[in-house]
Each structure stands twice: as structure tokens, then as C-alpha cells.
Amino acid sequence: MPPNLIFKELSSEQMIADLKDFDFISRFQICSVTLKKTILPKSFARLSQRAQVKVYGEIWKIHLYDRDPFPSNPHAHNIETNLKLHLGTGELVKKRQLVSKITKKIYC
């Protein structure tokens, strides 16, 4: 349990110092719920599990539930070069080795 900070008269700096080593992540309980039918309205836009994007003649495939979450989850696969693109940092990897990094966002 985190220290009981509510009843202490502490400054924000003292609270941060008291909590700096507390492991918040392991305290969260994650569970899943399976429903027999969707609760989303029919008009709600749904995310596809797969996408194929063509940018400047290159075809990139994105799988939402890729078996290998490296280098990011999700990430893009270049069909022609077998490169993977980290969708957060722009890093290009091949066989888990950094090859290059894109320098700007590409809008298509």
C-alpha cells in the first residue's frame, strides 16, 4: 500500500518524495470481460484489426493483434523490404536491429 498521505500535512514535493519508490503498476488489477453481443451503437466507428496503407508507392500492413509486438504494439510491416516501423518513435528495424529512423510524420 502507498503511504497514507491524505491525513498528513505535506507539501506536494514531500508527497512526491514519499511516493517515488512506490510500484503503482503492479497494484492495478487488469481483467477482461467477454460479452455475448456488442454494447456499441451501430453508428460507432470500429477499428479494424488489420490495415493496409499505401504511401508513396510503398505498401505497409498494420495488424492490431500481431503475434510479435516488437518494435511497438501495433507496428507496421513494409511488404517489399520486410522492415518494421515503430509507430511511436519512427524507428525502422529489420530482424530486431535498428536500420534507420524516419524524421517526420508522413500524412497520406
PDB file of N, CA and C in Angstrom:
ATOM      1  N   MET A   1       0.847  -1.189   0.000  1.00  0.00           N
ATOM      2  CA  MET A   1       0.000   0.000   0.000  1.00  0.00           C
ATOM      3  C   MET A   1       0.885   1.242   0.000  1.00  0.00           C
ATOM      4  N   PRO A   2       0.428   2.306  -0.694  1.00  0.00           N
ATOM      5  CA  PRO A   2       1.187   3.551  -0.641  1.00  0.00           C
ATOM      6  C   PRO A   2       1.055   4.168   0.747  1.00  0.00           C
ATOM      7  N   PRO A   3       1.998   5.002   1.104  1.00  0.00           N
ATOM      8  CA  PRO A   3       1.881   5.659   2.410  1.00  0.00           C
ATOM      9  C   PRO A   3       0.568   6.433   2.505  1.00  0.00           C
ATOM     10  N   ASN A   4      -0.018   6.480   3.687  1.00  0.00           N
ATOM     11  CA  ASN A   4      -1.277   7.198   3.886  1.00  0.00           C
ATOM     12  C   ASN A   4      -0.974   8.690   3.930  1.00  0.00           C
ATOM     13  N   LEU A   5      -1.109   9.344   2.788  1.00  0.00           N
ATOM     14  CA  LEU A   5      -0.729  10.750   2.665  1.00  0.00           C
ATOM     15  C   LEU A   5      -1.883  11.705   2.913  1.00  0.00           C
ATOM     16  N   ILE A   6      -3.093  11.202   2.903  1.00  0.00           N
ATOM     17  CA  ILE A   6      -4.262  12.071   2.984  1.00  0.00           C
ATOM     18  C   ILE A   6      -4.303  12.853   4.289  1.00  0.00           C
ATOM     19  N   PHE A   7      -3.973  12.217   5.385  1.00  0.00           N
ATOM     20  CA  PHE A   7      -4.107  12.860   6.693  1.00  0.00           C
ATOM     21  C   PHE A   7      -2.820  13.528   7.167  1.00  0.00           C
ATOM     22  N   LYS A   8      -1.803  13.498   6.345  1.00  0.00           N
ATOM     23  CA  LYS A   8      -0.549  14.167   6.695  1.00  0.00           C
ATOM     24  C   LYS A   8      -0.542  15.566   6.095  1.00  0.00           C
ATOM     25  N   GLU A   9       0.056  16.473   6.773  1.00  0.00           N
ATOM     26  CA  GLU A   9       0.196  17.827   6.247  1.00  0.00           C
ATOM     27  C   GLU A   9       1.538  17.903   5.525  1.00  0.00           C
ATOM     28  N   LEU A  10       1.512  17.547   4.234  1.00  0.00           N
ATOM     29  CA  LEU A  10       2.737  17.502   3.438  1.00  0.00           C
ATOM     30  C   LEU A  10       2.628  18.442   2.250  1.00  0.00           C
ATOM     31  N   SER A  11       3.755  18.940   1.830  1.00  0.00           N
ATOM     32  CA  SER A  11       3.785  19.715   0.582  1.00  0.00           C
ATOM     33  C   SER A  11       3.746  18.722  -0.580  1.00  0.00           C
ATOM     34  N   SER A  12       3.498  19.227  -1.776  1.00  0.00           N
ATOM     35  CA  SER A  12       3.472  18.341  -2.943  1.00  0.00           C
ATOM     36  C   SER A  12       4.832  17.685  -3.155  1.00  0.00           C
ATOM     37  N   GLU A  13       5.908  18.410  -2.870  1.00  0.00           N
ATOM     38  CA  GLU A  13       7.245  17.845  -3.006  1.00  0.00           C
ATOM     39  C   GLU A  13       7.459  16.691  -2.023  1.00  0.00           C
ATOM     40  N   GLN A  14       6.953  16.839  -0.799  1.00  0.00           N
ATOM     41  CA  GLN A  14       7.083  15.765   0.186  1.00  0.00           C
ATOM     42  C   GLN A  14       6.256  14.542  -0.216  1.00  0.00           C
ATOM     43  N   MET A  15       5.065  14.779  -0.781  1.00  0.00           N
ATOM     44  CA  MET A  15       4.238  13.659  -1.242  1.00  0.00           C
ATOM     45  C   MET A  15       4.943  12.898  -2.362  1.00  0.00           C
ATOM     46  N   ILE A  16       5.499  13.639  -3.303  1.00  0.00           N
ATOM     47  CA  ILE A  16       6.215  13.008  -4.420  1.00  0.00           C
ATOM     48  C   ILE A  16       7.396  12.204  -3.891  1.00  0.00           C
ATOM     49  N   ALA A  17       8.117  12.766  -2.926  1.00  0.00           N
ATOM     50  CA  ALA A  17       9.258  12.056  -2.345  1.00  0.00           C
ATOM     51  C   ALA A  17       8.805  10.763  -1.657  1.00  0.00           C
ATOM     52  N   ASP A  18       7.663  10.816  -0.952  1.00  0.00           N
ATOM     53  CA  ASP A  18       7.152   9.616  -0.269  1.00  0.00           C
ATOM     54  C   ASP A  18       6.693   8.543  -1.251  1.00  0.00           C
ATOM     55  N   LEU A  19       6.266   8.952  -2.443  1.00  0.00           N
ATOM     56  CA  LEU A  19       5.718   8.001  -3.419  1.00  0.00           C
ATOM     57  C   LEU A  19       6.707   7.603  -4.510  1.00  0.00           C
ATOM     58  N   LYS A  20       7.912   8.159  -4.501  1.00  0.00           N
ATOM     59  CA  LYS A  20       8.829   7.934  -5.627  1.00  0.00           C
ATOM     60  C   LYS A  20       9.215   6.469  -5.815  1.00  0.00           C
ATOM     61  N   ASP A  21       9.232   5.679  -4.769  1.00  0.00           N
ATOM     62  CA  ASP A  21       9.608   4.262  -4.894  1.00  0.00           C
ATOM     63  C   ASP A  21       8.414   3.320  -4.881  1.00  0.00           C
ATOM     64  N   PHE A  22       7.205   3.871  -4.853  1.00  0.00           N
ATOM     65  CA  PHE A  22       6.020   3.018  -4.800  1.00  0.00           C
ATOM     66  C   PHE A  22       5.725   2.446  -6.185  1.00  0.00           C
ATOM     67  N   ASP A  23       5.455   1.163  -6.264  1.00  0.00           N
ATOM     68  CA  ASP A  23       5.182   0.483  -7.533  1.00  0.00           C
ATOM     69  C   ASP A  23       3.688   0.529  -7.831  1.00  0.00           C
ATOM     70  N   PHE A  24       3.258   1.586  -8.529  1.00  0.00           N
ATOM     71  CA  PHE A  24       1.847   1.746  -8.856  1.00  0.00           C
ATOM     72  C   PHE A  24       1.381   0.695  -9.874  1.00  0.00           C
ATOM     73  N   ILE A  25       2.233   0.364 -10.825  1.00  0.00           N
ATOM     74  CA  ILE A  25       1.835  -0.527 -11.918  1.00  0.00           C
ATOM     75  C   ILE A  25       1.419  -1.901 -11.414  1.00  0.00           C
ATOM     76  N   SER A  26       2.173  -2.475 -10.500  1.00  0.00           N
ATOM     77  CA  SER A  26       1.833  -3.819 -10.030  1.00  0.00           C
ATOM     78  C   SER A  26       0.584  -3.828  -9.155  1.00  0.00           C
ATOM     79  N   ARG A  27       0.106  -2.664  -8.731  1.00  0.00           N
ATOM     80  CA  ARG A  27      -1.081  -2.587  -7.866  1.00  0.00           C
ATOM     81  C   ARG A  27      -2.387  -2.599  -8.655  1.00  0.00           C
ATOM     82  N   PHE A  28      -2.302  -2.344  -9.960  1.00  0.00           N
ATOM     83  CA  PHE A  28      -3.521  -2.326 -10.763  1.00  0.00           C
ATOM     84  C   PHE A  28      -3.919  -3.746 -11.132  1.00  0.00           C
ATOM     85  N   GLN A  29      -5.161  -4.068 -10.957  1.00  0.00           N
ATOM     86  CA  GLN A  29      -5.660  -5.374 -11.359  1.00  0.00           C
ATOM     87  C   GLN A  29      -6.286  -5.216 -12.745  1.00  0.00           C
ATOM     88  N   ILE A  30      -5.834  -6.027 -13.669  1.00  0.00           N
ATOM     89  CA  ILE A  30      -6.349  -5.977 -15.030  1.00  0.00           C
ATOM     90  C   ILE A  30      -7.188  -7.216 -15.266  1.00  0.00           C
ATOM     91  N   CYS A  31      -8.367  -7.014 -15.778  1.00  0.00           N
ATOM     92  CA  CYS A  31      -9.230  -8.144 -16.072  1.00  0.00           C
ATOM     93  C   CYS A  31      -9.905  -7.896 -17.414  1.00  0.00           C
ATOM     94  N   SER A  32     -10.543  -8.894 -17.931  1.00  0.00           N
ATOM     95  CA  SER A  32     -11.286  -8.733 -19.169  1.00  0.00           C
ATOM     96  C   SER A  32     -12.691  -9.282 -18.984  1.00  0.00           C
ATOM     97  N   VAL A  33     -13.594  -8.712 -19.731  1.00  0.00           N
ATOM     98  CA  VAL A  33     -14.993  -9.128 -19.686  1.00  0.00           C
ATOM     99  C   VAL A  33     -15.396  -9.507 -21.101  1.00  0.00           C
ATOM    100  N   THR A  34     -16.013 -10.654 -21.260  1.00  0.00           N
ATOM    101  CA  THR A  34     -16.484 -11.098 -22.562  1.00  0.00           C
ATOM    102  C   THR A  34     -18.000 -10.979 -22.605  1.00  0.00           C
ATOM    103  N   LEU A  35     -18.474 -10.254 -23.609  1.00  0.00           N
ATOM    104  CA  LEU A  35     -19.913 -10.072 -23.782  1.00  0.00           C
ATOM    105  C   LEU A  35     -20.403 -10.917 -24.953  1.00  0.00           C
ATOM    106  N   LYS A  36     -21.632 -11.387 -24.883  1.00  0.00           N
ATOM    107  CA  LYS A  36     -22.176 -12.211 -25.965  1.00  0.00           C
ATOM    108  C   LYS A  36     -22.508 -11.390 -27.194  1.00  0.00           C
ATOM    109  N   LYS A  37     -22.816 -10.102 -27.025  1.00  0.00           N
ATOM    110  CA  LYS A  37     -23.029  -9.231 -28.177  1.00  0.00           C
ATOM    111  C   LYS A  37     -22.520  -7.836 -27.839  1.00  0.00           C
ATOM    112  N   THR A  38     -22.263  -7.060 -28.855  1.00  0.00           N
ATOM    113  CA  THR A  38     -21.663  -5.749 -28.669  1.00  0.00           C
ATOM    114  C   THR A  38     -22.593  -4.794 -27.920  1.00  0.00           C
ATOM    115  N   ILE A  39     -21.985  -3.905 -27.171  1.00  0.00           N
ATOM    116  CA  ILE A  39     -22.750  -2.864 -26.492  1.00  0.00           C
ATOM    117  C   ILE A  39     -22.577  -1.523 -27.206  1.00  0.00           C
ATOM    118  N   LEU A  40     -21.775  -1.525 -28.283  1.00  0.00           N
ATOM    119  CA  LEU A  40     -21.538  -0.300 -29.037  1.00  0.00           C
ATOM    120  C   LEU A  40     -22.706   0.007 -29.962  1.00  0.00           C
ATOM    121  N   PRO A  41     -23.059   1.277 -30.099  1.00  0.00           N
ATOM    122  CA  PRO A  41     -24.115   1.640 -31.054  1.00  0.00           C
ATOM    123  C   PRO A  41     -23.678   1.307 -32.482  1.00  0.00           C
ATOM    124  N   LYS A  42     -24.632   1.014 -33.349  1.00  0.00           N
ATOM    125  CA  LYS A  42     -24.315   0.643 -34.734  1.00  0.00           C
ATOM    126  C   LYS A  42     -23.592   1.767 -35.471  1.00  0.00           C
ATOM    127  N   SER A  43     -23.822   3.002 -35.083  1.00  0.00           N
ATOM    128  CA  SER A  43     -23.200   4.139 -35.766  1.00  0.00           C
ATOM    129  C   SER A  43     -21.759   4.390 -35.311  1.00  0.00           C
ATOM    130  N   PHE A  44     -21.296   3.667 -34.292  1.00  0.00           N
ATOM    131  CA  PHE A  44     -19.963   3.879 -33.751  1.00  0.00           C
ATOM    132  C   PHE A  44     -18.922   3.292 -34.702  1.00  0.00           C
ATOM    133  N   ALA A  45     -17.916   4.113 -35.083  1.00  0.00           N
ATOM    134  CA  ALA A  45     -16.859   3.644 -35.976  1.00  0.00           C
ATOM    135  C   ALA A  45     -15.989   2.641 -35.236  1.00  0.00           C
ATOM    136  N   ARG A  46     -15.740   1.505 -35.857  1.00  0.00           N
ATOM    137  CA  ARG A  46     -14.952   0.453 -35.223  1.00  0.00           C
ATOM    138  C   ARG A  46     -13.589   0.362 -35.879  1.00  0.00           C
ATOM    139  N   LEU A  47     -12.586   0.036 -35.082  1.00  0.00           N
ATOM    140  CA  LEU A  47     -11.228  -0.114 -35.561  1.00  0.00           C
ATOM    141  C   LEU A  47     -11.052  -1.504 -36.156  1.00  0.00           C
ATOM    142  N   SER A  48     -10.573  -1.547 -37.362  1.00  0.00           N
ATOM    143  CA  SER A  48     -10.304  -2.833 -37.999  1.00  0.00           C
ATOM    144  C   SER A  48      -9.088  -3.475 -37.341  1.00  0.00           C
ATOM    145  N   GLN A  49      -9.015  -4.796 -37.388  1.00  0.00           N
ATOM    146  CA  GLN A  49      -7.873  -5.491 -36.807  1.00  0.00           C
ATOM    147  C   GLN A  49      -6.669  -5.461 -37.737  1.00  0.00           C
ATOM    148  N   ARG A  50      -6.901  -5.142 -39.008  1.00  0.00           N
ATOM    149  CA  ARG A  50      -5.822  -5.062 -39.991  1.00  0.00           C
ATOM    150  C   ARG A  50      -6.031  -3.831 -40.858  1.00  0.00           C
ATOM    151  N   ALA A  51      -4.927  -3.238 -41.259  1.00  0.00           N
ATOM    152  CA  ALA A  51      -4.988  -2.102 -42.169  1.00  0.00           C
ATOM    153  C   ALA A  51      -3.844  -2.224 -43.158  1.00  0.00           C
ATOM    154  N   GLN A  52      -4.098  -1.784 -44.365  1.00  0.00           N
ATOM    155  CA  GLN A  52      -3.055  -1.742 -45.380  1.00  0.00           C
ATOM    156  C   GLN A  52      -3.017  -0.318 -45.893  1.00  0.00           C
ATOM    157  N   VAL A  53      -1.840   0.286 -45.836  1.00  0.00           N
ATOM    158  CA  VAL A  53      -1.681   1.684 -46.210  1.00  0.00           C
ATOM    159  C   VAL A  53      -0.645   1.768 -47.326  1.00  0.00           C
ATOM    160  N   LYS A  54      -0.964   2.556 -48.356  1.00  0.00           N
ATOM    161  CA  LYS A  54      -0.018   2.762 -49.447  1.00  0.00           C
ATOM    162  C   LYS A  54       0.454   4.207 -49.370  1.00  0.00           C
ATOM    163  N   VAL A  55       1.760   4.387 -49.154  1.00  0.00           N
ATOM    164  CA  VAL A  55       2.356   5.715 -49.038  1.00  0.00           C
ATOM    165  C   VAL A  55       3.513   5.806 -50.024  1.00  0.00           C
ATOM    166  N   TYR A  56       3.428   6.749 -50.959  1.00  0.00           N
ATOM    167  CA  TYR A  56       4.476   6.939 -51.968  1.00  0.00           C
ATOM    168  C   TYR A  56       4.831   5.635 -52.671  1.00  0.00           C
ATOM    169  N   GLY A  57       3.831   4.832 -52.983  1.00  0.00           N
ATOM    170  CA  GLY A  57       4.034   3.582 -53.702  1.00  0.00           C
ATOM    171  C   GLY A  57       4.451   2.403 -52.839  1.00  0.00           C
ATOM    172  N   GLU A  58       4.710   2.625 -51.556  1.00  0.00           N
ATOM    173  CA  GLU A  58       5.092   1.538 -50.656  1.00  0.00           C
ATOM    174  C   GLU A  58       3.860   1.036 -49.917  1.00  0.00           C
ATOM    175  N   ILE A  59       3.759  -0.271 -49.757  1.00  0.00           N
ATOM    176  CA  ILE A  59       2.627  -0.868 -49.045  1.00  0.00           C
ATOM    177  C   ILE A  59       3.072  -1.258 -47.643  1.00  0.00           C
ATOM    178  N   TRP A  60       2.340  -0.748 -46.662  1.00  0.00           N
ATOM    179  CA  TRP A  60       2.596  -1.052 -45.255  1.00  0.00           C
ATOM    180  C   TRP A  60       1.375  -1.750 -44.684  1.00  0.00           C
ATOM    181  N   LYS A  61       1.579  -2.814 -43.938  1.00  0.00           N
ATOM    182  CA  LYS A  61       0.477  -3.521 -43.286  1.00  0.00           C
ATOM    183  C   LYS A  61       0.601  -3.348 -41.780  1.00  0.00           C
ATOM    184  N   ILE A  62      -0.532  -3.089 -41.151  1.00  0.00           N
ATOM    185  CA  ILE A  62      -0.589  -2.932 -39.702  1.00  0.00           C
ATOM    186  C   ILE A  62      -1.582  -3.950 -39.175  1.00  0.00           C
ATOM    187  N   HIS A  63      -1.149  -4.775 -38.230  1.00  0.00           N
ATOM    188  CA  HIS A  63      -2.006  -5.763 -37.590  1.00  0.00           C
ATOM    189  C   HIS A  63      -2.199  -5.341 -36.141  1.00  0.00           C
ATOM    190  N   LEU A  64      -3.432  -5.182 -35.711  1.00  0.00           N
ATOM    191  CA  LEU A  64      -3.707  -4.756 -34.348  1.00  0.00           C
ATOM    192  C   LEU A  64      -3.237  -5.794 -33.337  1.00  0.00           C
ATOM    193  N   TYR A  65      -3.411  -7.076 -33.641  1.00  0.00           N
ATOM    194  CA  TYR A  65      -3.022  -8.147 -32.718  1.00  0.00           C
ATOM    195  C   TYR A  65      -1.916  -8.991 -33.330  1.00  0.00           C
ATOM    196  N   ASP A  66      -0.791  -8.389 -33.609  1.00  0.00           N
ATOM    197  CA  ASP A  66       0.359  -9.084 -34.182  1.00  0.00           C
ATOM    198  C   ASP A  66       0.937 -10.040 -33.142  1.00  0.00           C
ATOM    199  N   ARG A  67       1.335 -11.234 -33.566  1.00  0.00           N
ATOM    200  CA  ARG A  67       1.924 -12.211 -32.643  1.00  0.00           C
ATOM    201  C   ARG A  67       3.211 -11.699 -32.015  1.00  0.00           C
ATOM    202  N   ASP A  68       3.976 -10.916 -32.782  1.00  0.00           N
ATOM    203  CA  ASP A  68       5.236 -10.370 -32.289  1.00  0.00           C
ATOM    204  C   ASP A  68       5.060  -8.861 -32.097  1.00  0.00           C
ATOM    205  N   PRO A  69       4.932  -8.387 -30.847  1.00  0.00           N
ATOM    206  CA  PRO A  69       4.686  -6.972 -30.617  1.00  0.00           C
ATOM    207  C   PRO A  69       5.914  -6.083 -30.805  1.00  0.00           C
ATOM    208  N   PHE A  70       7.041  -6.626 -31.212  1.00  0.00           N
ATOM    209  CA  PHE A  70       8.249  -5.838 -31.433  1.00  0.00           C
ATOM    210  C   PHE A  70       8.174  -5.152 -32.785  1.00  0.00           C
ATOM    211  N   PRO A  71       8.520  -3.915 -32.965  1.00  0.00           N
ATOM    212  CA  PRO A  71       9.113  -2.971 -32.029  1.00  0.00           C
ATOM    213  C   PRO A  71       8.098  -2.117 -31.267  1.00  0.00           C
ATOM    214  N   SER A  72       6.828  -2.170 -31.647  1.00  0.00           N
ATOM    215  CA  SER A  72       5.785  -1.463 -30.898  1.00  0.00           C
ATOM    216  C   SER A  72       4.497  -2.236 -31.103  1.00  0.00           C
ATOM    217  N   ASN A  73       3.500  -1.919 -30.327  1.00  0.00           N
ATOM    218  CA  ASN A  73       2.227  -2.613 -30.465  1.00  0.00           C
ATOM    219  C   ASN A  73       1.130  -1.571 -30.640  1.00  0.00           C
ATOM    220  N   PRO A  74       0.613  -1.372 -31.840  1.00  0.00           N
ATOM    221  CA  PRO A  74       0.932  -2.068 -33.095  1.00  0.00           C
ATOM    222  C   PRO A  74       2.147  -1.451 -33.779  1.00  0.00           C
ATOM    223  N   HIS A  75       2.610  -2.119 -34.831  1.00  0.00           N
ATOM    224  CA  HIS A  75       3.679  -1.607 -35.674  1.00  0.00           C
ATOM    225  C   HIS A  75       3.320  -1.919 -37.123  1.00  0.00           C
ATOM    226  N   ALA A  76       4.056  -1.325 -38.058  1.00  0.00           N
ATOM    227  CA  ALA A  76       3.763  -1.511 -39.483  1.00  0.00           C
ATOM    228  C   ALA A  76       4.844  -2.379 -40.122  1.00  0.00           C
ATOM    229  N   HIS A  77       4.414  -3.216 -41.079  1.00  0.00           N
ATOM    230  CA  HIS A  77       5.319  -4.074 -41.848  1.00  0.00           C
ATOM    231  C   HIS A  77       5.381  -3.542 -43.275  1.00  0.00           C
ATOM    232  N   ASN A  78       6.589  -3.355 -43.797  1.00  0.00           N
ATOM    233  CA  ASN A  78       6.746  -2.997 -45.204  1.00  0.00           C
ATOM    234  C   ASN A  78       6.851  -4.296 -45.989  1.00  0.00           C
ATOM    235  N   ILE A  79       5.941  -4.487 -46.921  1.00  0.00           N
ATOM    236  CA  ILE A  79       5.848  -5.756 -47.658  1.00  0.00           C
ATOM    237  C   ILE A  79       7.087  -6.004 -48.516  1.00  0.00           C
ATOM    238  N   GLU A  80       7.570  -4.978 -49.199  1.00  0.00           N
ATOM    239  CA  GLU A  80       8.684  -5.138 -50.139  1.00  0.00           C
ATOM    240  C   GLU A  80      10.030  -5.352 -49.449  1.00  0.00           C
ATOM    241  N   THR A  81      10.296  -4.609 -48.378  1.00  0.00           N
ATOM    242  CA  THR A  81      11.625  -4.632 -47.762  1.00  0.00           C
ATOM    243  C   THR A  81      11.708  -5.472 -46.496  1.00  0.00           C
ATOM    244  N   ASN A  82      10.560  -5.921 -45.989  1.00  0.00           N
ATOM    245  CA  ASN A  82      10.497  -6.690 -44.739  1.00  0.00           C
ATOM    246  C   ASN A  82      10.965  -5.880 -43.531  1.00  0.00           C
ATOM    247  N   LEU A  83      10.856  -4.540 -43.622  1.00  0.00           N
ATOM    248  CA  LEU A  83      11.171  -3.670 -42.495  1.00  0.00           C
ATOM    249  C   LEU A  83       9.942  -3.534 -41.608  1.00  0.00           C
ATOM    250  N   LYS A  84      10.172  -3.256 -40.325  1.00  0.00           N
ATOM    251  CA  LYS A  84       9.085  -2.951 -39.401  1.00  0.00           C
ATOM    252  C   LYS A  84       9.256  -1.507 -38.953  1.00  0.00           C
ATOM    253  N   LEU A  85       8.140  -0.802 -38.804  1.00  0.00           N
ATOM    254  CA  LEU A  85       8.156   0.597 -38.394  1.00  0.00           C
ATOM    255  C   LEU A  85       7.517   0.740 -37.031  1.00  0.00           C
ATOM    256  N   HIS A  86       8.267   1.261 -36.065  1.00  0.00           N
ATOM    257  CA  HIS A  86       7.738   1.574 -34.738  1.00  0.00           C
ATOM    258  C   HIS A  86       6.846   2.790 -34.913  1.00  0.00           C
ATOM    259  N   LEU A  87       5.567   2.657 -34.620  1.00  0.00           N
ATOM    260  CA  LEU A  87       4.617   3.726 -34.892  1.00  0.00           C
ATOM    261  C   LEU A  87       4.706   4.885 -33.898  1.00  0.00           C
ATOM    262  N   GLY A  88       5.446   4.728 -32.833  1.00  0.00           N
ATOM    263  CA  GLY A  88       5.598   5.821 -31.876  1.00  0.00           C
ATOM    264  C   GLY A  88       6.857   6.638 -32.089  1.00  0.00           C
ATOM    265  N   THR A  89       7.957   5.955 -32.393  1.00  0.00           N
ATOM    266  CA  THR A  89       9.249   6.640 -32.490  1.00  0.00           C
ATOM    267  C   THR A  89       9.736   6.831 -33.919  1.00  0.00           C
ATOM    268  N   GLY A  90       9.159   6.096 -34.876  1.00  0.00           N
ATOM    269  CA  GLY A  90       9.612   6.193 -36.256  1.00  0.00           C
ATOM    270  C   GLY A  90      10.823   5.328 -36.564  1.00  0.00           C
ATOM    271  N   GLU A  91      11.231   4.469 -35.631  1.00  0.00           N
ATOM    272  CA  GLU A  91      12.388   3.611 -35.868  1.00  0.00           C
ATOM    273  C   GLU A  91      12.041   2.514 -36.865  1.00  0.00           C
ATOM    274  N   LEU A  92      12.958   2.280 -37.806  1.00  0.00           N
ATOM    275  CA  LEU A  92      12.828   1.198 -38.773  1.00  0.00           C
ATOM    276  C   LEU A  92      13.768   0.077 -38.356  1.00  0.00           C
ATOM    277  N   VAL A  93      13.231  -1.124 -38.224  1.00  0.00           N
ATOM    278  CA  VAL A  93      14.041  -2.262 -37.786  1.00  0.00           C
ATOM    279  C   VAL A  93      13.890  -3.425 -38.753  1.00  0.00           C
ATOM    280  N   LYS A  94      14.931  -4.229 -38.826  1.00  0.00           N
ATOM    281  CA  LYS A  94      14.905  -5.462 -39.609  1.00  0.00           C
ATOM    282  C   LYS A  94      15.599  -6.523 -38.777  1.00  0.00           C
ATOM    283  N   LYS A  95      14.909  -7.613 -38.537  1.00  0.00           N
ATOM    284  CA  LYS A  95      15.425  -8.705 -37.699  1.00  0.00           C
ATOM    285  C   LYS A  95      15.903  -8.166 -36.350  1.00  0.00           C
ATOM    286  N   ARG A  96      15.075  -7.303 -35.736  1.00  0.00           N
ATOM    287  CA  ARG A  96      15.311  -6.727 -34.405  1.00  0.00           C
ATOM    288  C   ARG A  96      16.525  -5.806 -34.328  1.00  0.00           C
ATOM    289  N   GLN A  97      17.053  -5.404 -35.460  1.00  0.00           N
ATOM    290  CA  GLN A  97      18.189  -4.484 -35.497  1.00  0.00           C
ATOM    291  C   GLN A  97      17.725  -3.145 -36.062  1.00  0.00           C
ATOM    292  N   LEU A  98      18.094  -2.045 -35.391  1.00  0.00           N
ATOM    293  CA  LEU A  98      17.753  -0.718 -35.863  1.00  0.00           C
ATOM    294  C   LEU A  98      18.465  -0.451 -37.183  1.00  0.00           C
ATOM    295  N   VAL A  99      17.689  -0.095 -38.208  1.00  0.00           N
ATOM    296  CA  VAL A  99      18.239   0.176 -39.527  1.00  0.00           C
ATOM    297  C   VAL A  99      18.295   1.679 -39.773  1.00  0.00           C
ATOM    298  N   SER A 100      17.225   2.374 -39.414  1.00  0.00           N
ATOM    299  CA  SER A 100      17.131   3.805 -39.670  1.00  0.00           C
ATOM    300  C   SER A 100      15.987   4.362 -38.837  1.00  0.00           C
ATOM    301  N   LYS A 101      15.707   5.627 -39.031  1.00  0.00           N
ATOM    302  CA  LYS A 101      14.593   6.270 -38.333  1.00  0.00           C
ATOM    303  C   LYS A 101      14.011   7.325 -39.255  1.00  0.00           C
ATOM    304  N   ILE A 102      12.683   7.329 -39.384  1.00  0.00           N
ATOM    305  CA  ILE A 102      12.081   8.376 -40.200  1.00  0.00           C
ATOM    306  C   ILE A 102      12.116   9.667 -39.395  1.00  0.00           C
ATOM    307  N   THR A 103      12.275  10.780 -40.090  1.00  0.00           N
ATOM    308  CA  THR A 103      12.496  12.042 -39.408  1.00  0.00           C
ATOM    309  C   THR A 103      11.247  12.883 -39.223  1.00  0.00           C
ATOM    310  N   LYS A 104      10.183  12.547 -39.944  1.00  0.00           N
ATOM    311  CA  LYS A 104       8.967  13.340 -39.802  1.00  0.00           C
ATOM    312  C   LYS A 104       7.755  12.454 -40.050  1.00  0.00           C
ATOM    313  N   LYS A 105       6.607  12.938 -39.604  1.00  0.00           N
ATOM    314  CA  LYS A 105       5.369  12.215 -39.858  1.00  0.00           C
ATOM    315  C   LYS A 105       4.987  12.368 -41.314  1.00  0.00           C
ATOM    316  N   ILE A 106       4.469  11.290 -41.870  1.00  0.00           N
ATOM    317  CA  ILE A 106       4.025  11.303 -43.262  1.00  0.00           C
ATOM    318  C   ILE A 106       2.503  11.284 -43.238  1.00  0.00           C
ATOM    319  N   TYR A 107       1.901  12.237 -43.889  1.00  0.00           N
ATOM    320  CA  TYR A 107       0.450  12.310 -43.962  1.00  0.00           C
ATOM    321  C   TYR A 107       0.019  11.876 -45.358  1.00  0.00           C
ATOM    322  N   CYS A 108      -0.923  10.950 -45.405  1.00  0.00           N
ATOM    323  CA  CYS A 108      -1.372  10.480 -46.714  1.00  0.00           C
ATOM    324  C   CYS A 108      -2.850  10.718 -46.891  1.00  0.00           C
TER     325      CYS A 108
END
